């Protein structure tokens, strides 16, 4: 699980953008902890990377990115093993990225 600061570091997406995406992208709704702070799962992190790709590199609106993701979900249902492989790879890469960010922060503090 990731807090919003970790998500921002991993994705370079500002919190206000993440909150907007929650409103317009179906299925993007992080849980909240007891204090009301957003807590993002690995699945949501993967979704954020996908939305970022579609909005930044493919120049889609967030609304159209949401539609694209729904369309892709239907295709993925037909080949779930491919999705599992991609998800596992993304999970590994996100973990490595987070470790590198933590190491860089620790170095900067010294």
N, C-alpha and C. Protein backbone atom coordinates (compact mmCIF):
# COMPACT_ATOMS: atom_id res chain seq x y z
N UNK A 1 0.84 -1.17 0.00
CA UNK A 1 0.00 0.00 0.00
C UNK A 1 0.89 1.25 0.00
N UNK A 2 0.39 2.26 -0.66
CA UNK A 2 1.16 3.49 -0.82
C UNK A 2 0.32 4.68 -0.36
N UNK A 3 0.99 5.65 0.25
CA UNK A 3 0.26 6.88 0.57
C UNK A 3 0.40 7.84 -0.62
N UNK A 4 -0.27 8.95 -0.55
CA UNK A 4 -0.33 9.85 -1.71
C UNK A 4 1.05 10.47 -2.01
N UNK A 5 1.87 10.68 -0.99
CA UNK A 5 3.21 11.23 -1.23
C UNK A 5 4.07 10.22 -1.99
N UNK A 6 3.97 8.95 -1.62
CA UNK A 6 4.72 7.92 -2.33
C UNK A 6 4.24 7.81 -3.77
N UNK A 7 2.93 7.89 -3.97
CA UNK A 7 2.38 7.84 -5.33
C UNK A 7 2.90 9.01 -6.15
N UNK A 8 2.93 10.18 -5.55
CA UNK A 8 3.44 11.36 -6.27
C UNK A 8 4.91 11.17 -6.65
N UNK A 9 5.72 10.61 -5.75
CA UNK A 9 7.13 10.38 -6.05
C UNK A 9 7.30 9.33 -7.15
N UNK A 10 6.49 8.29 -7.09
CA UNK A 10 6.61 7.21 -8.07
C UNK A 10 6.13 7.63 -9.46
N UNK A 11 5.09 8.44 -9.50
CA UNK A 11 4.43 8.72 -10.78
C UNK A 11 4.63 10.14 -11.29
N UNK A 12 5.06 11.03 -10.43
CA UNK A 12 5.18 12.46 -10.75
C UNK A 12 3.81 13.06 -11.10
N UNK A 13 2.78 12.54 -10.45
CA UNK A 13 1.42 13.06 -10.61
C UNK A 13 1.04 13.75 -9.31
N UNK A 14 0.62 15.00 -9.40
CA UNK A 14 0.26 15.79 -8.22
C UNK A 14 -1.03 15.27 -7.59
N UNK A 15 -1.16 15.42 -6.27
CA UNK A 15 -2.35 14.94 -5.57
C UNK A 15 -3.67 15.48 -6.12
N UNK A 16 -3.70 16.76 -6.50
CA UNK A 16 -4.96 17.30 -7.01
C UNK A 16 -5.38 16.63 -8.32
N UNK A 17 -4.40 16.20 -9.12
CA UNK A 17 -4.71 15.48 -10.36
C UNK A 17 -5.25 14.10 -10.03
N UNK A 18 -4.64 13.43 -9.06
CA UNK A 18 -5.13 12.12 -8.64
C UNK A 18 -6.57 12.20 -8.15
N UNK A 19 -6.87 13.24 -7.37
CA UNK A 19 -8.24 13.40 -6.86
C UNK A 19 -9.22 13.64 -8.01
N UNK A 20 -8.80 14.40 -9.02
CA UNK A 20 -9.65 14.63 -10.19
C UNK A 20 -9.90 13.32 -10.93
N UNK A 21 -8.85 12.54 -11.11
CA UNK A 21 -8.99 11.25 -11.81
C UNK A 21 -9.98 10.34 -11.09
N UNK A 22 -10.02 10.43 -9.76
CA UNK A 22 -10.99 9.62 -9.00
C UNK A 22 -12.42 9.94 -9.44
N UNK A 23 -12.66 11.18 -9.81
CA UNK A 23 -14.00 11.61 -10.20
C UNK A 23 -14.36 11.16 -11.61
N UNK A 24 -13.39 11.07 -12.51
CA UNK A 24 -13.73 10.87 -13.93
C UNK A 24 -13.31 9.52 -14.51
N UNK A 25 -12.51 8.76 -13.80
CA UNK A 25 -12.05 7.47 -14.31
C UNK A 25 -12.76 6.34 -13.56
N UNK A 26 -13.59 5.58 -14.25
CA UNK A 26 -14.30 4.48 -13.59
C UNK A 26 -13.33 3.47 -12.98
N UNK A 27 -13.63 3.03 -11.78
CA UNK A 27 -12.81 2.01 -11.13
C UNK A 27 -11.60 2.55 -10.39
N UNK A 28 -11.36 3.84 -10.46
CA UNK A 28 -10.21 4.43 -9.75
C UNK A 28 -10.73 5.09 -8.48
N UNK A 29 -10.62 4.37 -7.38
CA UNK A 29 -11.14 4.86 -6.11
C UNK A 29 -10.33 4.26 -4.97
N UNK A 30 -9.26 4.95 -4.57
CA UNK A 30 -8.43 4.40 -3.50
C UNK A 30 -9.18 4.36 -2.17
N UNK A 31 -8.76 3.43 -1.34
CA UNK A 31 -9.34 3.33 0.00
C UNK A 31 -8.83 4.50 0.83
N UNK A 32 -9.48 4.72 1.96
CA UNK A 32 -9.01 5.75 2.88
C UNK A 32 -8.76 5.11 4.24
N UNK A 33 -7.73 5.62 4.93
CA UNK A 33 -7.43 5.09 6.26
C UNK A 33 -8.36 5.72 7.30
N UNK A 34 -8.13 5.41 8.55
CA UNK A 34 -9.01 5.89 9.62
C UNK A 34 -9.05 7.41 9.71
N UNK A 35 -8.01 8.08 9.23
CA UNK A 35 -7.96 9.54 9.27
C UNK A 35 -8.46 10.17 7.97
N UNK A 36 -8.90 9.36 7.04
CA UNK A 36 -9.42 9.88 5.78
C UNK A 36 -8.37 10.10 4.70
N UNK A 37 -7.14 9.66 4.94
CA UNK A 37 -6.08 9.80 3.94
C UNK A 37 -6.18 8.66 2.94
N UNK A 38 -5.89 9.00 1.70
CA UNK A 38 -5.96 7.99 0.63
C UNK A 38 -4.81 6.99 0.75
N UNK A 39 -5.16 5.73 0.55
CA UNK A 39 -4.19 4.64 0.55
C UNK A 39 -4.36 3.90 -0.78
N UNK A 40 -3.29 3.83 -1.55
CA UNK A 40 -3.34 3.26 -2.89
C UNK A 40 -2.76 1.85 -2.90
N UNK A 41 -3.48 0.96 -3.55
CA UNK A 41 -3.02 -0.43 -3.70
C UNK A 41 -2.11 -0.53 -4.92
N UNK A 42 -1.53 -1.70 -5.08
CA UNK A 42 -0.70 -1.96 -6.26
C UNK A 42 -1.54 -1.83 -7.53
N UNK A 43 -2.75 -2.31 -7.48
CA UNK A 43 -3.66 -2.23 -8.64
C UNK A 43 -3.91 -0.77 -9.01
N UNK A 44 -4.12 0.06 -8.01
CA UNK A 44 -4.36 1.48 -8.29
C UNK A 44 -3.10 2.16 -8.81
N UNK A 45 -1.95 1.76 -8.31
CA UNK A 45 -0.70 2.30 -8.85
C UNK A 45 -0.56 1.96 -10.32
N UNK A 46 -0.87 0.74 -10.68
CA UNK A 46 -0.82 0.33 -12.09
C UNK A 46 -1.80 1.15 -12.92
N UNK A 47 -2.98 1.39 -12.37
CA UNK A 47 -3.97 2.18 -13.08
C UNK A 47 -3.49 3.61 -13.27
N UNK A 48 -2.84 4.18 -12.27
CA UNK A 48 -2.30 5.53 -12.38
C UNK A 48 -1.26 5.61 -13.50
N UNK A 49 -0.36 4.63 -13.56
CA UNK A 49 0.63 4.62 -14.65
C UNK A 49 -0.04 4.54 -16.01
N UNK A 50 -1.11 3.75 -16.10
CA UNK A 50 -1.82 3.63 -17.37
C UNK A 50 -2.53 4.94 -17.74
N UNK A 51 -3.19 5.56 -16.77
CA UNK A 51 -3.86 6.84 -17.03
C UNK A 51 -2.82 7.88 -17.43
N UNK A 52 -1.70 7.90 -16.74
CA UNK A 52 -0.65 8.87 -17.07
C UNK A 52 -0.18 8.66 -18.50
N UNK A 53 0.06 7.43 -18.88
CA UNK A 53 0.50 7.15 -20.25
C UNK A 53 -0.52 7.67 -21.26
N UNK A 54 -1.78 7.35 -21.01
CA UNK A 54 -2.82 7.75 -21.96
C UNK A 54 -3.00 9.25 -22.03
N UNK A 55 -2.90 9.93 -20.89
CA UNK A 55 -3.13 11.38 -20.89
C UNK A 55 -1.90 12.17 -21.33
N UNK A 56 -0.73 11.72 -20.95
CA UNK A 56 0.49 12.47 -21.27
C UNK A 56 1.03 12.11 -22.65
N UNK A 57 1.18 10.83 -22.91
CA UNK A 57 1.83 10.40 -24.15
C UNK A 57 0.86 10.26 -25.32
N UNK A 58 -0.35 9.81 -25.03
CA UNK A 58 -1.34 9.66 -26.09
C UNK A 58 -2.25 10.87 -26.21
N UNK A 59 -2.07 11.85 -25.32
CA UNK A 59 -2.79 13.13 -25.33
C UNK A 59 -4.30 12.98 -25.21
N UNK A 60 -4.75 11.99 -24.44
CA UNK A 60 -6.18 11.79 -24.20
C UNK A 60 -6.62 12.63 -23.00
N UNK A 61 -7.89 12.95 -22.97
CA UNK A 61 -8.44 13.53 -21.75
C UNK A 61 -8.56 12.41 -20.71
N UNK A 62 -8.70 12.79 -19.46
CA UNK A 62 -8.86 11.78 -18.42
C UNK A 62 -10.13 10.96 -18.65
N UNK A 63 -11.17 11.63 -19.13
CA UNK A 63 -12.42 10.93 -19.41
C UNK A 63 -12.23 9.88 -20.51
N UNK A 64 -11.55 10.26 -21.59
CA UNK A 64 -11.30 9.31 -22.67
C UNK A 64 -10.34 8.21 -22.24
N UNK A 65 -9.40 8.54 -21.38
CA UNK A 65 -8.50 7.52 -20.84
C UNK A 65 -9.31 6.48 -20.06
N UNK A 66 -10.29 6.94 -19.29
CA UNK A 66 -11.15 6.03 -18.56
C UNK A 66 -11.91 5.11 -19.49
N UNK A 67 -12.42 5.66 -20.58
CA UNK A 67 -13.13 4.84 -21.57
C UNK A 67 -12.19 3.81 -22.20
N UNK A 68 -10.98 4.24 -22.52
CA UNK A 68 -9.99 3.34 -23.10
C UNK A 68 -9.66 2.19 -22.15
N UNK A 69 -9.51 2.52 -20.88
CA UNK A 69 -9.18 1.51 -19.88
C UNK A 69 -10.32 0.50 -19.75
N UNK A 70 -11.56 0.97 -19.79
CA UNK A 70 -12.70 0.04 -19.75
C UNK A 70 -12.69 -0.88 -20.96
N UNK A 71 -12.36 -0.33 -22.11
CA UNK A 71 -12.28 -1.14 -23.33
C UNK A 71 -11.18 -2.18 -23.21
N UNK A 72 -10.03 -1.78 -22.69
CA UNK A 72 -8.92 -2.70 -22.51
C UNK A 72 -9.27 -3.80 -21.51
N UNK A 73 -10.05 -3.44 -20.50
CA UNK A 73 -10.44 -4.43 -19.48
C UNK A 73 -11.23 -5.57 -20.11
N UNK A 74 -12.05 -5.26 -21.06
CA UNK A 74 -12.82 -6.30 -21.75
C UNK A 74 -11.89 -7.24 -22.51
N UNK A 75 -10.87 -6.68 -23.14
CA UNK A 75 -9.91 -7.50 -23.88
C UNK A 75 -9.10 -8.36 -22.90
N UNK A 76 -8.71 -7.78 -21.80
CA UNK A 76 -7.91 -8.50 -20.79
C UNK A 76 -8.68 -9.68 -20.23
N UNK A 77 -9.99 -9.55 -20.11
CA UNK A 77 -10.79 -10.66 -19.59
C UNK A 77 -10.69 -11.88 -20.49
N UNK A 78 -10.41 -11.64 -21.76
CA UNK A 78 -10.28 -12.75 -22.70
C UNK A 78 -8.92 -13.45 -22.56
N UNK A 79 -7.91 -12.74 -22.06
CA UNK A 79 -6.57 -13.32 -21.91
C UNK A 79 -6.00 -12.96 -20.54
N UNK A 80 -6.54 -13.53 -19.48
CA UNK A 80 -6.12 -13.14 -18.12
C UNK A 80 -4.67 -13.47 -17.80
N UNK A 81 -4.09 -14.48 -18.44
CA UNK A 81 -2.70 -14.83 -18.13
C UNK A 81 -1.74 -13.72 -18.56
N UNK A 82 -2.04 -13.05 -19.65
CA UNK A 82 -1.21 -11.93 -20.11
C UNK A 82 -1.27 -10.80 -19.10
N UNK A 83 -2.46 -10.51 -18.63
CA UNK A 83 -2.63 -9.45 -17.64
C UNK A 83 -1.86 -9.77 -16.35
N UNK A 84 -1.91 -11.01 -15.90
CA UNK A 84 -1.17 -11.40 -14.69
C UNK A 84 0.32 -11.19 -14.87
N UNK A 85 0.85 -11.55 -16.03
CA UNK A 85 2.28 -11.37 -16.30
C UNK A 85 2.66 -9.89 -16.28
N UNK A 86 1.84 -9.07 -16.92
CA UNK A 86 2.11 -7.64 -16.97
C UNK A 86 2.01 -7.04 -15.58
N UNK A 87 1.00 -7.45 -14.83
CA UNK A 87 0.81 -6.93 -13.47
C UNK A 87 1.99 -7.27 -12.57
N UNK A 88 2.47 -8.50 -12.66
CA UNK A 88 3.61 -8.91 -11.84
C UNK A 88 4.86 -8.11 -12.21
N UNK A 89 5.08 -7.91 -13.47
CA UNK A 89 6.23 -7.13 -13.93
C UNK A 89 6.15 -5.69 -13.42
N UNK A 90 4.98 -5.08 -13.53
CA UNK A 90 4.79 -3.71 -13.05
C UNK A 90 5.00 -3.62 -11.55
N UNK A 91 4.53 -4.61 -10.82
CA UNK A 91 4.69 -4.63 -9.37
C UNK A 91 6.17 -4.66 -8.99
N UNK A 92 6.93 -5.47 -9.67
CA UNK A 92 8.37 -5.57 -9.42
C UNK A 92 9.05 -4.24 -9.73
N UNK A 93 8.71 -3.65 -10.88
CA UNK A 93 9.33 -2.38 -11.27
C UNK A 93 8.97 -1.25 -10.31
N UNK A 94 7.72 -1.20 -9.87
CA UNK A 94 7.31 -0.16 -8.92
C UNK A 94 8.05 -0.32 -7.59
N UNK A 95 8.23 -1.55 -7.14
CA UNK A 95 8.99 -1.79 -5.92
C UNK A 95 10.43 -1.34 -6.03
N UNK A 96 11.04 -1.62 -7.16
CA UNK A 96 12.42 -1.19 -7.39
C UNK A 96 12.52 0.33 -7.44
N UNK A 97 11.57 0.96 -8.10
CA UNK A 97 11.57 2.42 -8.19
C UNK A 97 11.42 3.04 -6.81
N UNK A 98 10.51 2.51 -6.01
CA UNK A 98 10.31 3.04 -4.67
C UNK A 98 11.56 2.87 -3.81
N UNK A 99 12.23 1.74 -3.92
CA UNK A 99 13.48 1.52 -3.17
C UNK A 99 14.54 2.53 -3.59
N UNK A 100 14.63 2.80 -4.89
CA UNK A 100 15.62 3.76 -5.37
C UNK A 100 15.31 5.17 -4.89
N UNK A 101 14.03 5.52 -4.84
CA UNK A 101 13.64 6.83 -4.33
C UNK A 101 14.01 6.94 -2.86
N UNK A 102 13.71 5.90 -2.08
CA UNK A 102 14.04 5.91 -0.65
C UNK A 102 15.55 6.03 -0.45
N UNK A 103 16.34 5.30 -1.24
CA UNK A 103 17.80 5.38 -1.12
C UNK A 103 18.29 6.78 -1.44
N UNK A 104 17.74 7.39 -2.48
CA UNK A 104 18.15 8.74 -2.87
C UNK A 104 17.79 9.75 -1.77
N UNK A 105 16.61 9.59 -1.16
CA UNK A 105 16.23 10.48 -0.07
C UNK A 105 17.14 10.31 1.14
N UNK A 106 17.46 9.07 1.46
CA UNK A 106 18.35 8.82 2.59
C UNK A 106 19.74 9.40 2.35
N UNK A 107 20.22 9.31 1.12
CA UNK A 107 21.52 9.88 0.77
C UNK A 107 21.50 11.40 0.89
N UNK A 108 20.40 11.99 0.44
CA UNK A 108 20.28 13.45 0.47
C UNK A 108 20.20 13.97 1.88
N UNK A 109 19.65 13.18 2.79
CA UNK A 109 19.54 13.60 4.19
C UNK A 109 20.88 13.57 4.91
N UNK A 110 21.83 12.77 4.43
CA UNK A 110 23.13 12.62 5.10
C UNK A 110 24.06 13.73 4.76
